[in-house]
C-alpha atoms as a PDB file:
ATOM      1  CA  MET A   1     -71.771  88.679  -0.903  1.00  0.00           C
ATOM      2  CA  LYS A   2     -69.994  85.393  -1.555  1.00  0.00           C
ATOM      3  CA  GLY A   3     -68.244  85.697   1.814  1.00  0.00           C
ATOM      4  CA  ILE A   4     -71.486  85.780   3.794  1.00  0.00           C
ATOM      5  CA  GLN A   5     -72.922  82.917   1.747  1.00  0.00           C
ATOM      6  CA  SER A   6     -69.889  80.758   2.508  1.00  0.00           C
ATOM      7  CA  PHE A   7     -70.043  81.754   6.182  1.00  0.00           C
ATOM      8  CA  ILE A   8     -73.709  80.782   6.494  1.00  0.00           C
ATOM      9  CA  VAL A   9     -73.189  77.431   4.738  1.00  0.00           C
ATOM     10  CA  GLU A  10     -70.132  76.611   6.837  1.00  0.00           C
ATOM     11  CA  HIS A  11     -71.601  77.578  10.215  1.00  0.00           C
ATOM     12  CA  TYR A  12     -75.394  77.359   9.960  1.00  0.00           C
ATOM     13  CA  LEU A  13     -76.551  74.933   7.229  1.00  0.00           C
ATOM     14  CA  ASP A  14     -79.373  72.740   8.639  1.00  0.00           C
ATOM     15  CA  LYS A  15     -79.369  74.696  11.919  1.00  0.00           C
ATOM     16  CA  GLU A  16     -82.086  76.950  13.337  1.00  0.00           C
ATOM     17  CA  ILE A  17     -81.226  80.648  13.331  1.00  0.00           C
ATOM     18  CA  ASP A  18     -82.762  84.055  13.869  1.00  0.00           C
ATOM     19  CA  VAL A  19     -82.188  86.659  11.156  1.00  0.00           C
ATOM     20  CA  TYR A  20     -82.569  90.408  11.700  1.00  0.00           C
ATOM     21  CA  CYS A  21     -83.071  92.680   8.704  1.00  0.00           C
ATOM     22  CA  GLY A  22     -83.898  95.961  10.480  1.00  0.00           C
ATOM     23  CA  GLY A  23     -86.985  97.488  12.040  1.00  0.00           C
ATOM     24  CA  GLU A  24     -89.545  94.795  12.734  1.00  0.00           C
ATOM     25  CA  ASP A  25     -88.135  92.471  10.061  1.00  0.00           C
ATOM     26  CA  ALA A  26     -86.904  89.387  11.920  1.00  0.00           C
ATOM     27  CA  PHE A  27     -87.151  85.785  10.780  1.00  0.00           C
ATOM     28  CA  ARG A  28     -86.555  82.385  12.387  1.00  0.00           C
ATOM     29  CA  GLY A  29     -86.089  78.992  10.799  1.00  0.00           C
ATOM     30  CA  LYS A  30     -83.750  76.217   9.750  1.00  0.00           C
ATOM     31  CA  VAL A  31     -81.245  77.142   7.047  1.00  0.00           C
ATOM     32  CA  LYS A  32     -82.160  74.980   4.066  1.00  0.00           C
ATOM     33  CA  ALA A  33     -80.198  76.670   1.285  1.00  0.00           C
ATOM     34  CA  ILE A  34     -78.343  79.756   0.193  1.00  0.00           C
ATOM     35  CA  ALA A  35     -77.736  80.513  -3.468  1.00  0.00           C
ATOM     36  CA  ASP A  36     -77.756  83.502  -5.800  1.00  0.00           C
ATOM     37  CA  ASP A  37     -77.698  85.856  -2.779  1.00  0.00           C
ATOM     38  CA  VAL A  38     -80.929  84.409  -1.355  1.00  0.00           C
ATOM     39  CA  LEU A  39     -81.123  82.668   2.030  1.00  0.00           C
ATOM     40  CA  THR A  40     -83.880  80.063   2.387  1.00  0.00           C
ATOM     41  CA  LEU A  41     -85.238  79.283   5.846  1.00  0.00           C
ATOM     42  CA  GLU A  42     -87.824  76.601   6.682  1.00  0.00           C
ATOM     43  CA  LYS A  43     -90.131  76.652   9.683  1.00  0.00           C
ATOM     44  CA  ASP A  44     -93.154  74.394  10.131  1.00  0.00           C
ATOM     45  CA  GLY A  45     -93.137  73.458   6.442  1.00  0.00           C
ATOM     46  CA  VAL A  46     -93.164  77.099   5.301  1.00  0.00           C
ATOM     47  CA  TYR A  47     -90.209  78.529   3.394  1.00  0.00           C
ATOM     48  CA  THR A  48     -88.978  82.112   3.735  1.00  0.00           C
ATOM     49  CA  HIS A  49     -86.559  83.573   1.188  1.00  0.00           C
ATOM     50  CA  ILE A  50     -84.394  86.504   2.298  1.00  0.00           C
ATOM     51  CA  CYS A  51     -82.109  88.673   0.156  1.00  0.00           C
ATOM     52  CA  VAL A  52     -78.643  88.303   1.672  1.00  0.00           C
ATOM     53  CA  ASP A  53     -77.853  92.002   1.226  1.00  0.00           C
ATOM     54  CA  LYS A  54     -80.759  92.864   3.576  1.00  0.00           C
ATOM     55  CA  ILE A  55     -79.371  90.830   6.498  1.00  0.00           C
ATOM     56  CA  ILE A  56     -78.013  92.978   9.337  1.00  0.00           C
ATOM     57  CA  ALA A  57     -77.367  90.188  11.863  1.00  0.00           C
ATOM     58  CA  LEU A  58     -77.985  86.502  12.427  1.00  0.00           C
ATOM     59  CA  TRP A  59     -77.447  84.164  15.353  1.00  0.00           C
ATOM     60  CA  PRO A  60     -78.261  80.615  16.455  1.00  0.00           C
ATOM     61  CA  LYS A  61     -81.779  80.144  17.818  1.00  0.00           C
ATOM     62  CA  LYS A  62     -81.804  80.283  21.606  1.00  0.00           C
END
């Protein structure tokens, strides 16, 4: 998973993204951190922590 962590830091740190984890599991927020295989998003002062191995796709917020 180190490859995806590096990719997210390099391309999306401090940017707003959408993250799809399958089914109805989709999240949106600003990438605040990624460490120990956990992605942290922030939206409206609320933090969401997502296991990196659950991510199917992510893209910049439109």
